[in-house]
C-alpha atoms as a PDB file:
ATOM      1  CA  GLN A   1      30.557  34.974  71.966  1.00  0.00           C
ATOM      2  CA  VAL A   2      30.454  32.361  69.439  1.00  0.00           C
ATOM      3  CA  GLN A   3      28.774  32.648  65.986  1.00  0.00           C
ATOM      4  CA  LEU A   4      28.126  29.395  64.122  1.00  0.00           C
ATOM      5  CA  VAL A   5      27.022  29.067  60.468  1.00  0.00           C
ATOM      6  CA  GLU A   6      25.831  25.865  58.941  1.00  0.00           C
ATOM      7  CA  SER A   7      25.979  24.932  55.443  1.00  0.00           C
ATOM      8  CA  GLY A   8      26.015  22.278  53.089  1.00  0.00           C
ATOM      9  CA  GLY A   9      22.347  21.095  53.337  1.00  0.00           C
ATOM     10  CA  GLY A  10      20.438  20.242  50.331  1.00  0.00           C
ATOM     11  CA  LEU A  11      17.887  17.756  48.474  1.00  0.00           C
ATOM     12  CA  VAL A  12      19.273  14.440  48.009  1.00  0.00           C
ATOM     13  CA  GLN A  13      17.836  11.021  47.377  1.00  0.00           C
ATOM     14  CA  VAL A  14      17.660   7.716  49.497  1.00  0.00           C
ATOM     15  CA  GLY A  15      21.217   6.209  49.916  1.00  0.00           C
ATOM     16  CA  ASP A  16      22.827   9.318  48.967  1.00  0.00           C
ATOM     17  CA  SER A  17      25.730  11.371  50.900  1.00  0.00           C
ATOM     18  CA  LEU A  18      25.931  14.691  52.121  1.00  0.00           C
ATOM     19  CA  ARG A  19      28.677  16.765  54.318  1.00  0.00           C
ATOM     20  CA  LEU A  20      27.497  19.489  56.434  1.00  0.00           C
ATOM     21  CA  SER A  21      29.923  22.268  57.697  1.00  0.00           C
ATOM     22  CA  CYS A  22      29.517  24.548  60.598  1.00  0.00           C
ATOM     23  CA  ALA A  23      31.772  27.563  60.720  1.00  0.00           C
ATOM     24  CA  ALA A  24      32.459  29.025  63.978  1.00  0.00           C
ATOM     25  CA  SER A  25      33.908  32.646  64.907  1.00  0.00           C
ATOM     26  CA  GLY A  26      36.539  33.552  67.476  1.00  0.00           C
ATOM     27  CA  ARG A  27      39.784  32.482  68.409  1.00  0.00           C
ATOM     28  CA  THR A  28      38.945  30.006  71.079  1.00  0.00           C
ATOM     29  CA  PHE A  29      37.067  27.303  68.886  1.00  0.00           C
ATOM     30  CA  SER A  30      39.622  24.501  70.333  1.00  0.00           C
ATOM     31  CA  ALA A  31      37.965  25.071  73.841  1.00  0.00           C
ATOM     32  CA  TYR A  32      34.502  24.084  72.699  1.00  0.00           C
ATOM     33  CA  ALA A  33      32.839  20.834  72.386  1.00  0.00           C
ATOM     34  CA  MET A  34      30.714  20.854  69.294  1.00  0.00           C
ATOM     35  CA  GLY A  35      27.665  18.910  68.459  1.00  0.00           C
ATOM     36  CA  TRP A  36      25.170  18.381  65.669  1.00  0.00           C
ATOM     37  CA  PHE A  37      21.515  18.094  66.242  1.00  0.00           C
ATOM     38  CA  ARG A  38      18.254  18.207  63.992  1.00  0.00           C
ATOM     39  CA  GLN A  39      14.704  18.903  63.874  1.00  0.00           C
ATOM     40  CA  ALA A  40      12.216  17.396  61.968  1.00  0.00           C
ATOM     41  CA  PRO A  41       8.523  19.058  61.136  1.00  0.00           C
ATOM     42  CA  GLY A  42       6.350  18.044  64.090  1.00  0.00           C
ATOM     43  CA  LYS A  43       9.192  16.444  66.178  1.00  0.00           C
ATOM     44  CA  GLU A  44      11.631  17.725  68.970  1.00  0.00           C
ATOM     45  CA  ARG A  45      15.200  18.635  68.300  1.00  0.00           C
ATOM     46  CA  GLU A  46      17.234  15.570  68.999  1.00  0.00           C
ATOM     47  CA  PHE A  47      20.898  15.011  69.206  1.00  0.00           C
ATOM     48  CA  VAL A  48      22.788  13.685  66.300  1.00  0.00           C
ATOM     49  CA  ALA A  49      26.525  13.670  66.989  1.00  0.00           C
ATOM     50  CA  GLY A  50      29.040  15.489  69.127  1.00  0.00           C
ATOM     51  CA  VAL A  51      32.825  15.847  69.379  1.00  0.00           C
ATOM     52  CA  SER A  52      35.185  16.666  71.871  1.00  0.00           C
ATOM     53  CA  ARG A  53      37.664  19.754  71.833  1.00  0.00           C
ATOM     54  CA  SER A  54      40.445  17.848  70.184  1.00  0.00           C
ATOM     55  CA  GLY A  55      38.502  15.802  67.991  1.00  0.00           C
ATOM     56  CA  ASP A  56      39.655  12.801  69.443  1.00  0.00           C
ATOM     57  CA  ASN A  57      36.191  11.662  71.197  1.00  0.00           C
ATOM     58  CA  THR A  58      32.906  11.487  69.329  1.00  0.00           C
ATOM     59  CA  GLY A  59      29.284  10.321  70.141  1.00  0.00           C
ATOM     60  CA  TYR A  60      26.520   9.427  68.156  1.00  0.00           C
ATOM     61  CA  ALA A  61      22.810   8.665  68.289  1.00  0.00           C
ATOM     62  CA  ASP A  62      21.746   5.474  67.708  1.00  0.00           C
ATOM     63  CA  SER A  63      19.873   6.255  64.470  1.00  0.00           C
ATOM     64  CA  VAL A  64      22.842   7.794  63.155  1.00  0.00           C
ATOM     65  CA  LYS A  65      25.825   5.215  63.898  1.00  0.00           C
ATOM     66  CA  GLY A  66      27.607   3.906  61.555  1.00  0.00           C
ATOM     67  CA  ARG A  67      26.402   6.307  58.831  1.00  0.00           C
ATOM     68  CA  PHE A  68      27.337   9.697  60.190  1.00  0.00           C
ATOM     69  CA  THR A  69      30.625  10.890  61.097  1.00  0.00           C
ATOM     70  CA  ILE A  70      31.704  14.087  63.141  1.00  0.00           C
ATOM     71  CA  SER A  71      34.782  15.669  62.931  1.00  0.00           C
ATOM     72  CA  ARG A  72      36.454  18.897  63.197  1.00  0.00           C
ATOM     73  CA  ASP A  73      39.142  20.793  61.970  1.00  0.00           C
ATOM     74  CA  ASN A  74      40.437  23.353  64.671  1.00  0.00           C
ATOM     75  CA  ALA A  75      42.787  25.408  62.406  1.00  0.00           C
ATOM     76  CA  LYS A  76      39.866  26.380  60.358  1.00  0.00           C
ATOM     77  CA  ASN A  77      37.241  27.012  63.257  1.00  0.00           C
ATOM     78  CA  THR A  78      35.083  24.223  61.325  1.00  0.00           C
ATOM     79  CA  VAL A  79      32.955  21.149  62.325  1.00  0.00           C
ATOM     80  CA  TYR A  80      31.726  18.751  59.862  1.00  0.00           C
ATOM     81  CA  LEU A  81      29.058  15.963  59.633  1.00  0.00           C
ATOM     82  CA  GLN A  82      29.703  13.444  57.018  1.00  0.00           C
ATOM     83  CA  MET A  83      26.177  11.657  56.141  1.00  0.00           C
ATOM     84  CA  ASN A  84      26.045   8.610  54.309  1.00  0.00           C
ATOM     85  CA  SER A  85      23.165   6.168  53.396  1.00  0.00           C
ATOM     86  CA  LEU A  86      20.823   8.920  53.807  1.00  0.00           C
ATOM     87  CA  THR A  87      16.954   7.772  54.532  1.00  0.00           C
ATOM     88  CA  PRO A  88      13.726  10.030  54.465  1.00  0.00           C
ATOM     89  CA  GLU A  89      13.908   9.725  58.273  1.00  0.00           C
ATOM     90  CA  ASP A  90      16.947  12.212  58.078  1.00  0.00           C
ATOM     91  CA  THR A  91      15.233  14.971  56.635  1.00  0.00           C
ATOM     92  CA  ALA A  92      15.387  17.500  59.097  1.00  0.00           C
ATOM     93  CA  VAL A  93      16.832  20.973  59.832  1.00  0.00           C
ATOM     94  CA  TYR A  94      20.381  20.427  61.128  1.00  0.00           C
ATOM     95  CA  TYR A  95      21.981  22.715  63.792  1.00  0.00           C
ATOM     96  CA  CYS A  96      25.347  22.731  65.023  1.00  0.00           C
ATOM     97  CA  ALA A  97      26.208  23.862  68.652  1.00  0.00           C
ATOM     98  CA  ALA A  98      28.947  24.664  70.657  1.00  0.00           C
ATOM     99  CA  ASP A  99      29.709  24.713  74.636  1.00  0.00           C
ATOM    100  CA  TRP A 100      32.849  24.836  76.626  1.00  0.00           C
ATOM    101  CA  ALA A 101      33.783  21.578  78.166  1.00  0.00           C
ATOM    102  CA  PRO A 102      36.837  19.844  79.483  1.00  0.00           C
ATOM    103  CA  GLU A 103      39.286  18.252  76.794  1.00  0.00           C
ATOM    104  CA  THR A 104      37.934  14.964  76.305  1.00  0.00           C
ATOM    105  CA  VAL A 105      34.133  15.496  76.942  1.00  0.00           C
ATOM    106  CA  VAL A 106      31.529  14.642  74.534  1.00  0.00           C
ATOM    107  CA  VAL A 107      28.542  16.881  74.996  1.00  0.00           C
ATOM    108  CA  LEU A 108      25.243  14.794  74.198  1.00  0.00           C
ATOM    109  CA  THR A 109      22.516  16.903  75.775  1.00  0.00           C
ATOM    110  CA  GLY A 110      20.879  20.063  73.899  1.00  0.00           C
ATOM    111  CA  PRO A 111      20.367  21.982  76.793  1.00  0.00           C
ATOM    112  CA  LEU A 112      24.011  22.167  77.925  1.00  0.00           C
ATOM    113  CA  TYR A 113      25.059  23.803  74.766  1.00  0.00           C
ATOM    114  CA  LYS A 114      25.198  27.593  74.910  1.00  0.00           C
ATOM    115  CA  TYR A 115      25.724  28.652  71.220  1.00  0.00           C
ATOM    116  CA  TRP A 116      23.426  27.501  68.397  1.00  0.00           C
ATOM    117  CA  GLY A 117      23.672  28.183  64.280  1.00  0.00           C
ATOM    118  CA  GLN A 118      20.709  29.029  62.246  1.00  0.00           C
ATOM    119  CA  GLY A 119      20.326  25.693  60.911  1.00  0.00           C
ATOM    120  CA  THR A 120      20.697  24.068  57.475  1.00  0.00           C
ATOM    121  CA  GLN A 121      18.099  22.035  55.572  1.00  0.00           C
ATOM    122  CA  VAL A 122      18.528  18.539  54.636  1.00  0.00           C
ATOM    123  CA  THR A 123      15.949  16.577  52.608  1.00  0.00           C
ATOM    124  CA  VAL A 124      15.917  13.113  51.602  1.00  0.00           C
ATOM    125  CA  SER A 125      13.510  12.141  48.820  1.00  0.00           C
ATOM    126  CA  SER A 126      11.814   8.558  49.196  1.00  0.00           C
END
């Protein structure tokens, strides 16, 4: 089993930046595609960003393209989400997720992920 723990959330102002981290347990981290999702109050959970096993391939939701960057450090069993130019629409609980996938695949669909973290709150003041 894979255990995921998010960190780095907090309260920021419009235009600010924040970096989220997700630490994974186990020795097979490099075998998993990783993703970030978010859920705002009253809304459904939505895909934010995904990264392939090696970190070479990434995918982003249209709403965050050009502002967010997903990356991973397999030696540290950690995936990151760098968030820039934050807006109130980015306010949500952010979750990381893991799922086995072929080497080059970016997993874009939430139901395909097997393992989820508990989430970290990001609040962007208007």
